[in-house]
PDB file of N, CA and C in Angstrom:
ATOM      1  N   MET A   1       0.869  -1.141  -0.023  1.00  0.00           N
ATOM      2  CA  MET A   1      -0.045  -0.072   0.030  1.00  0.00           C
ATOM      3  C   MET A   1       0.851   1.255  -0.029  1.00  0.00           C
ATOM      4  N   THR A   2       0.456   2.192  -0.839  1.00  0.00           N
ATOM      5  CA  THR A   2       1.317   3.432  -0.792  1.00  0.00           C
ATOM      6  C   THR A   2       1.117   4.285   0.413  1.00  0.00           C
ATOM      7  N   GLN A   3       2.072   5.161   0.710  1.00  0.00           N
ATOM      8  CA  GLN A   3       1.891   6.024   1.762  1.00  0.00           C
ATOM      9  C   GLN A   3       0.690   6.945   1.708  1.00  0.00           C
ATOM     10  N   LEU A   4       0.381   7.469   0.568  1.00  0.00           N
ATOM     11  CA  LEU A   4      -0.783   8.303   0.411  1.00  0.00           C
ATOM     12  C   LEU A   4      -2.043   7.512   0.553  1.00  0.00           C
ATOM     13  N   LEU A   5      -2.216   6.308   0.069  1.00  0.00           N
ATOM     14  CA  LEU A   5      -3.354   5.574   0.275  1.00  0.00           C
ATOM     15  C   LEU A   5      -3.599   5.114   1.839  1.00  0.00           C
ATOM     16  N   GLN A   6      -2.348   4.891   2.569  1.00  0.00           N
ATOM     17  CA  GLN A   6      -2.346   4.612   3.990  1.00  0.00           C
ATOM     18  C   GLN A   6      -2.769   5.929   4.675  1.00  0.00           C
ATOM     19  N   GLN A   7      -2.336   7.072   4.295  1.00  0.00           N
ATOM     20  CA  GLN A   7      -2.786   8.318   4.955  1.00  0.00           C
ATOM     21  C   GLN A   7      -4.246   8.548   4.782  1.00  0.00           C
ATOM     22  N   ALA A   8      -4.808   8.296   3.611  1.00  0.00           N
ATOM     23  CA  ALA A   8      -6.223   8.366   3.325  1.00  0.00           C
ATOM     24  C   ALA A   8      -7.110   7.536   4.187  1.00  0.00           C
ATOM     25  N   PHE A   9      -6.574   6.206   4.292  1.00  0.00           N
ATOM     26  CA  PHE A   9      -7.304   5.268   5.169  1.00  0.00           C
ATOM     27  C   PHE A   9      -7.307   5.608   6.649  1.00  0.00           C
ATOM     28  N   GLU A  10      -6.146   6.151   7.125  1.00  0.00           N
ATOM     29  CA  GLU A  10      -6.032   6.693   8.467  1.00  0.00           C
ATOM     30  C   GLU A  10      -6.990   7.721   8.776  1.00  0.00           C
ATOM     31  N   ARG A  11      -7.056   8.738   7.859  1.00  0.00           N
ATOM     32  CA  ARG A  11      -7.975   9.825   7.971  1.00  0.00           C
ATOM     33  C   ARG A  11      -9.490   9.445   8.021  1.00  0.00           C
ATOM     34  N   ALA A  12      -9.810   8.354   7.145  1.00  0.00           N
ATOM     35  CA  ALA A  12     -11.109   7.870   7.032  1.00  0.00           C
ATOM     36  C   ALA A  12     -11.450   7.050   8.374  1.00  0.00           C
ATOM     37  N   ALA A  13     -10.501   6.390   8.915  1.00  0.00           N
ATOM     38  CA  ALA A  13     -10.681   5.535  10.094  1.00  0.00           C
ATOM     39  C   ALA A  13     -11.021   6.575  11.321  1.00  0.00           C
ATOM     40  N   ALA A  14     -10.678   7.763  11.233  1.00  0.00           N
ATOM     41  CA  ALA A  14     -10.922   8.680  12.228  1.00  0.00           C
ATOM     42  C   ALA A  14     -12.333   9.302  12.196  1.00  0.00           C
ATOM     43  N   LEU A  15     -13.101   9.084  11.137  1.00  0.00           N
ATOM     44  CA  LEU A  15     -14.470   9.570  10.927  1.00  0.00           C
ATOM     45  C   LEU A  15     -15.433   8.768  11.653  1.00  0.00           C
ATOM     46  N   PRO A  16     -16.636   9.314  11.950  1.00  0.00           N
ATOM     47  CA  PRO A  16     -17.619   8.495  12.651  1.00  0.00           C
ATOM     48  C   PRO A  16     -18.036   7.322  11.729  1.00  0.00           C
ATOM     49  N   GLN A  17     -18.428   6.331  12.329  1.00  0.00           N
ATOM     50  CA  GLN A  17     -18.765   5.009  11.559  1.00  0.00           C
ATOM     51  C   GLN A  17     -19.735   5.252  10.429  1.00  0.00           C
ATOM     52  N   GLU A  18     -20.716   5.982  10.604  1.00  0.00           N
ATOM     53  CA  GLU A  18     -21.609   6.349   9.420  1.00  0.00           C
ATOM     54  C   GLU A  18     -20.845   6.918   8.229  1.00  0.00           C
ATOM     55  N   ASP A  19     -19.933   7.816   8.510  1.00  0.00           N
ATOM     56  CA  ASP A  19     -19.225   8.408   7.403  1.00  0.00           C
ATOM     57  C   ASP A  19     -18.223   7.628   6.846  1.00  0.00           C
ATOM     58  N   GLN A  20     -17.703   6.666   7.696  1.00  0.00           N
ATOM     59  CA  GLN A  20     -16.675   5.682   7.134  1.00  0.00           C
ATOM     60  C   GLN A  20     -17.379   4.781   6.186  1.00  0.00           C
ATOM     61  N   ASP A  21     -18.672   4.303   6.627  1.00  0.00           N
ATOM     62  CA  ASP A  21     -19.430   3.365   5.666  1.00  0.00           C
ATOM     63  C   ASP A  21     -19.729   4.078   4.330  1.00  0.00           C
ATOM     64  N   ARG A  22     -20.033   5.430   4.451  1.00  0.00           N
ATOM     65  CA  ARG A  22     -20.402   6.210   3.326  1.00  0.00           C
ATOM     66  C   ARG A  22     -19.172   6.300   2.375  1.00  0.00           C
ATOM     67  N   PHE A  23     -17.967   6.556   2.943  1.00  0.00           N
ATOM     68  CA  PHE A  23     -16.805   6.572   2.161  1.00  0.00           C
ATOM     69  C   PHE A  23     -16.480   5.209   1.583  1.00  0.00           C
ATOM     70  N   ALA A  24     -16.640   4.230   2.320  1.00  0.00           N
ATOM     71  CA  ALA A  24     -16.382   2.804   1.793  1.00  0.00           C
ATOM     72  C   ALA A  24     -17.236   2.490   0.625  1.00  0.00           C
ATOM     73  N   ARG A  25     -18.595   2.824   0.672  1.00  0.00           N
ATOM     74  CA  ARG A  25     -19.460   2.590  -0.441  1.00  0.00           C
ATOM     75  C   ARG A  25     -19.049   3.350  -1.582  1.00  0.00           C
ATOM     76  N   PHE A  26     -18.641   4.532  -1.396  1.00  0.00           N
ATOM     77  CA  PHE A  26     -18.309   5.449  -2.525  1.00  0.00           C
ATOM     78  C   PHE A  26     -17.072   4.906  -3.188  1.00  0.00           C
ATOM     79  N   LEU A  27     -16.087   4.508  -2.431  1.00  0.00           N
ATOM     80  CA  LEU A  27     -14.817   3.893  -2.902  1.00  0.00           C
ATOM     81  C   LEU A  27     -15.095   2.697  -3.660  1.00  0.00           C
ATOM     82  N   LEU A  28     -15.794   1.793  -3.148  1.00  0.00           N
ATOM     83  CA  LEU A  28     -16.095   0.516  -3.765  1.00  0.00           C
ATOM     84  C   LEU A  28     -16.895   0.774  -5.091  1.00  0.00           C
ATOM     85  N   ALA A  29     -17.893   1.639  -5.098  1.00  0.00           N
ATOM     86  CA  ALA A  29     -18.566   1.984  -6.327  1.00  0.00           C
ATOM     87  C   ALA A  29     -17.643   2.579  -7.368  1.00  0.00           C
ATOM     88  N   GLU A  30     -16.678   3.335  -6.982  1.00  0.00           N
ATOM     89  CA  GLU A  30     -15.741   3.860  -7.882  1.00  0.00           C
ATOM     90  C   GLU A  30     -14.807   2.854  -8.546  1.00  0.00           C
ATOM     91  N   LEU A  31     -14.256   1.949  -7.675  1.00  0.00           N
ATOM     92  CA  LEU A  31     -13.482   0.859  -8.243  1.00  0.00           C
ATOM     93  C   LEU A  31     -14.271   0.095  -9.091  1.00  0.00           C
ATOM     94  N   GLU A  32     -15.458  -0.333  -8.851  1.00  0.00           N
ATOM     95  CA  GLU A  32     -16.367  -1.121  -9.588  1.00  0.00           C
ATOM     96  C   GLU A  32     -16.600  -0.278 -10.966  1.00  0.00           C
ATOM     97  N   SER A  33     -16.895   0.974 -10.947  1.00  0.00           N
ATOM     98  CA  SER A  33     -17.004   1.616 -12.105  1.00  0.00           C
ATOM     99  C   SER A  33     -15.858   1.583 -13.090  1.00  0.00           C
ATOM    100  N   GLU A  34     -14.705   1.696 -12.435  1.00  0.00           N
ATOM    101  CA  GLU A  34     -13.562   1.808 -13.232  1.00  0.00           C
ATOM    102  C   GLU A  34     -13.168   0.444 -13.881  1.00  0.00           C
ATOM    103  N   GLU A  35     -13.620  -0.631 -13.233  1.00  0.00           N
ATOM    104  CA  GLU A  35     -13.480  -1.965 -13.796  1.00  0.00           C
ATOM    105  C   GLU A  35     -14.438  -2.158 -14.924  1.00  0.00           C
ATOM    106  N   ARG A  36     -15.616  -1.625 -14.822  1.00  0.00           N
ATOM    107  CA  ARG A  36     -16.709  -1.605 -15.918  1.00  0.00           C
ATOM    108  C   ARG A  36     -16.126  -0.948 -17.155  1.00  0.00           C
ATOM    109  N   TRP A  37     -15.528   0.306 -16.810  1.00  0.00           N
ATOM    110  CA  TRP A  37     -15.217   1.092 -18.108  1.00  0.00           C
ATOM    111  C   TRP A  37     -13.958   0.338 -18.658  1.00  0.00           C
ATOM    112  N   ALA A  38     -13.032  -0.205 -17.948  1.00  0.00           N
ATOM    113  CA  ALA A  38     -11.910  -0.860 -18.485  1.00  0.00           C
ATOM    114  C   ALA A  38     -12.428  -2.080 -19.341  1.00  0.00           C
ATOM    115  N   GLU A  39     -13.305  -2.754 -18.771  1.00  0.00           N
ATOM    116  CA  GLU A  39     -13.927  -3.871 -19.575  1.00  0.00           C
ATOM    117  C   GLU A  39     -14.473  -3.405 -20.980  1.00  0.00           C
ATOM    118  N   LEU A  40     -15.307  -2.437 -20.837  1.00  0.00           N
ATOM    119  CA  LEU A  40     -16.002  -1.934 -21.979  1.00  0.00           C
ATOM    120  C   LEU A  40     -14.997  -1.413 -22.997  1.00  0.00           C
ATOM    121  N   PHE A  41     -13.929  -0.622 -22.618  1.00  0.00           N
ATOM    122  CA  PHE A  41     -13.016  -0.163 -23.554  1.00  0.00           C
ATOM    123  C   PHE A  41     -12.041  -1.247 -24.195  1.00  0.00           C
ATOM    124  N   SER A  42     -12.005  -2.379 -23.499  1.00  0.00           N
ATOM    125  CA  SER A  42     -11.233  -3.374 -23.961  1.00  0.00           C
ATOM    126  C   SER A  42     -11.841  -4.228 -25.174  1.00  0.00           C
ATOM    127  N   ARG A  43     -13.061  -3.960 -25.353  1.00  0.00           N
ATOM    128  CA  ARG A  43     -13.815  -4.797 -26.389  1.00  0.00           C
ATOM    129  C   ARG A  43     -13.556  -4.033 -27.724  1.00  0.00           C
ATOM    130  N   PRO A  44     -13.396  -4.897 -28.768  1.00  0.00           N
ATOM    131  CA  PRO A  44     -12.927  -4.457 -30.116  1.00  0.00           C
ATOM    132  C   PRO A  44     -14.032  -3.504 -30.697  1.00  0.00           C
ATOM    133  N   GLU A  45     -15.316  -3.654 -30.313  1.00  0.00           N
ATOM    134  CA  GLU A  45     -16.265  -2.747 -30.937  1.00  0.00           C
ATOM    135  C   GLU A  45     -16.238  -1.412 -30.312  1.00  0.00           C
ATOM    136  N   SER A  46     -15.602  -1.247 -29.169  1.00  0.00           N
ATOM    137  CA  SER A  46     -15.503  -0.008 -28.495  1.00  0.00           C
ATOM    138  C   SER A  46     -14.640   1.012 -29.386  1.00  0.00           C
ATOM    139  N   GLU A  47     -13.606   0.389 -29.944  1.00  0.00           N
ATOM    140  CA  GLU A  47     -12.662   1.312 -30.701  1.00  0.00           C
ATOM    141  C   GLU A  47     -13.427   1.829 -31.884  1.00  0.00           C
ATOM    142  N   GLU A  48     -14.121   1.025 -32.593  1.00  0.00           N
ATOM    143  CA  GLU A  48     -14.982   1.316 -33.703  1.00  0.00           C
ATOM    144  C   GLU A  48     -15.990   2.434 -33.345  1.00  0.00           C
ATOM    145  N   LEU A  49     -16.569   2.177 -32.166  1.00  0.00           N
ATOM    146  CA  LEU A  49     -17.806   3.169 -31.848  1.00  0.00           C
ATOM    147  C   LEU A  49     -17.125   4.588 -31.394  1.00  0.00           C
ATOM    148  N   LEU A  50     -15.973   4.556 -30.796  1.00  0.00           N
ATOM    149  CA  LEU A  50     -15.143   5.766 -30.329  1.00  0.00           C
ATOM    150  C   LEU A  50     -14.832   6.514 -31.607  1.00  0.00           C
ATOM    151  N   GLU A  51     -14.251   5.730 -32.676  1.00  0.00           N
ATOM    152  CA  GLU A  51     -13.840   6.424 -33.909  1.00  0.00           C
ATOM    153  C   GLU A  51     -15.025   7.045 -34.595  1.00  0.00           C
ATOM    154  N   LYS A  52     -16.159   6.376 -34.671  1.00  0.00           N
ATOM    155  CA  LYS A  52     -17.405   7.033 -35.301  1.00  0.00           C
ATOM    156  C   LYS A  52     -17.834   8.229 -34.473  1.00  0.00           C
ATOM    157  N   MET A  53     -17.750   8.065 -33.213  1.00  0.00           N
ATOM    158  CA  MET A  53     -18.271   9.268 -32.412  1.00  0.00           C
ATOM    159  C   MET A  53     -17.327  10.425 -32.646  1.00  0.00           C
ATOM    160  N   ALA A  54     -16.030  10.266 -32.695  1.00  0.00           N
ATOM    161  CA  ALA A  54     -15.015  11.286 -33.096  1.00  0.00           C
ATOM    162  C   ALA A  54     -15.202  11.809 -34.393  1.00  0.00           C
ATOM    163  N   ASP A  55     -15.555  10.969 -35.321  1.00  0.00           N
ATOM    164  CA  ASP A  55     -15.823  11.509 -36.774  1.00  0.00           C
ATOM    165  C   ASP A  55     -16.981  12.431 -36.857  1.00  0.00           C
ATOM    166  N   GLU A  56     -18.197  11.996 -35.988  1.00  0.00           N
ATOM    167  CA  GLU A  56     -19.301  12.809 -35.991  1.00  0.00           C
ATOM    168  C   GLU A  56     -19.018  14.167 -35.284  1.00  0.00           C
ATOM    169  N   ALA A  57     -18.154  14.074 -34.211  1.00  0.00           N
ATOM    170  CA  ALA A  57     -17.873  15.341 -33.515  1.00  0.00           C
ATOM    171  C   ALA A  57     -17.110  16.298 -34.339  1.00  0.00           C
ATOM    172  N   LEU A  58     -16.168  15.832 -35.076  1.00  0.00           N
ATOM    173  CA  LEU A  58     -15.296  16.589 -35.972  1.00  0.00           C
ATOM    174  C   LEU A  58     -16.298  17.105 -37.186  1.00  0.00           C
ATOM    175  N   ALA A  59     -17.147  16.351 -37.623  1.00  0.00           N
ATOM    176  CA  ALA A  59     -17.988  16.787 -38.695  1.00  0.00           C
ATOM    177  C   ALA A  59     -18.899  17.886 -38.254  1.00  0.00           C
ATOM    178  N   ALA A  60     -19.455  17.804 -37.020  1.00  0.00           N
ATOM    179  CA  ALA A  60     -20.355  18.781 -36.412  1.00  0.00           C
ATOM    180  C   ALA A  60     -19.532  20.115 -36.253  1.00  0.00           C
ATOM    181  N   HIS A  61     -18.251  19.913 -35.769  1.00  0.00           N
ATOM    182  CA  HIS A  61     -17.359  21.144 -35.594  1.00  0.00           C
ATOM    183  C   HIS A  61     -17.033  21.850 -36.943  1.00  0.00           C
ATOM    184  N   ARG A  62     -16.690  21.045 -37.971  1.00  0.00           N
ATOM    185  CA  ARG A  62     -16.437  21.636 -39.252  1.00  0.00           C
ATOM    186  C   ARG A  62     -17.667  22.342 -39.905  1.00  0.00           C
ATOM    187  N   ALA A  63     -18.967  21.811 -39.431  1.00  0.00           N
ATOM    188  CA  ALA A  63     -20.057  22.436 -39.903  1.00  0.00           C
ATOM    189  C   ALA A  63     -20.561  23.583 -39.168  1.00  0.00           C
ATOM    190  N   GLY A  64     -19.844  23.953 -38.162  1.00  0.00           N
ATOM    191  CA  GLY A  64     -20.120  25.115 -37.365  1.00  0.00           C
ATOM    192  C   GLY A  64     -21.140  24.879 -36.312  1.00  0.00           C
ATOM    193  N   ARG A  65     -21.404  23.686 -35.970  1.00  0.00           N
ATOM    194  CA  ARG A  65     -22.505  23.292 -34.996  1.00  0.00           C
ATOM    195  C   ARG A  65     -21.900  23.243 -33.523  1.00  0.00           C
ATOM    196  N   THR A  66     -20.761  23.607 -33.340  1.00  0.00           N
ATOM    197  CA  THR A  66     -20.190  23.482 -32.018  1.00  0.00           C
ATOM    198  C   THR A  66     -19.721  24.959 -31.515  1.00  0.00           C
ATOM    199  N   LYS A  67     -19.407  25.033 -30.384  1.00  0.00           N
ATOM    200  CA  LYS A  67     -18.929  26.435 -29.649  1.00  0.00           C
ATOM    201  C   LYS A  67     -17.843  26.122 -28.666  1.00  0.00           C
ATOM    202  N   PRO A  68     -16.975  26.960 -28.410  1.00  0.00           N
ATOM    203  CA  PRO A  68     -15.906  26.717 -27.461  1.00  0.00           C
ATOM    204  C   PRO A  68     -16.531  26.410 -26.059  1.00  0.00           C
ATOM    205  N   LEU A  69     -15.787  25.659 -25.449  1.00  0.00           N
ATOM    206  CA  LEU A  69     -16.042  25.329 -24.069  1.00  0.00           C
ATOM    207  C   LEU A  69     -15.481  26.371 -23.099  1.00  0.00           C
ATOM    208  N   LYS A  70     -16.292  26.902 -22.284  1.00  0.00           N
ATOM    209  CA  LYS A  70     -15.672  28.041 -21.399  1.00  0.00           C
ATOM    210  C   LYS A  70     -15.705  27.480 -19.975  1.00  0.00           C
ATOM    211  N   VAL A  71     -14.568  26.878 -19.627  1.00  0.00           N
ATOM    212  CA  VAL A  71     -14.413  26.173 -18.423  1.00  0.00           C
ATOM    213  C   VAL A  71     -14.729  27.150 -17.122  1.00  0.00           C
ATOM    214  N   GLU A  72     -14.332  28.367 -17.318  1.00  0.00           N
ATOM    215  CA  GLU A  72     -14.557  29.252 -16.269  1.00  0.00           C
ATOM    216  C   GLU A  72     -16.115  29.554 -15.924  1.00  0.00           C
ATOM    217  N   GLU A  73     -16.810  29.233 -16.870  1.00  0.00           N
ATOM    218  CA  GLU A  73     -18.290  29.485 -16.660  1.00  0.00           C
ATOM    219  C   GLU A  73     -19.039  28.225 -16.109  1.00  0.00           C
ATOM    220  N   MET A  74     -18.332  27.182 -16.023  1.00  0.00           N
ATOM    221  CA  MET A  74     -18.940  25.947 -15.635  1.00  0.00           C
ATOM    222  C   MET A  74     -19.151  25.897 -14.038  1.00  0.00           C
TER     223      MET A  74
END
């Protein structure tokens, strides 16, 4: 275990039990989500779909149907 992860768990251990459980549920859900995304992106059809979506986005941009993202306004 890394020192940073150890530090995070030590801080979490100092929380009230309800907050520890909430944190644990969040962390487990994030790990499961990452595993699902990794599995989905490892499929051959994912590459084709992402290429198609990128082509569509570029076509929309070239056609003037996009606008700049203003992060400071988010």
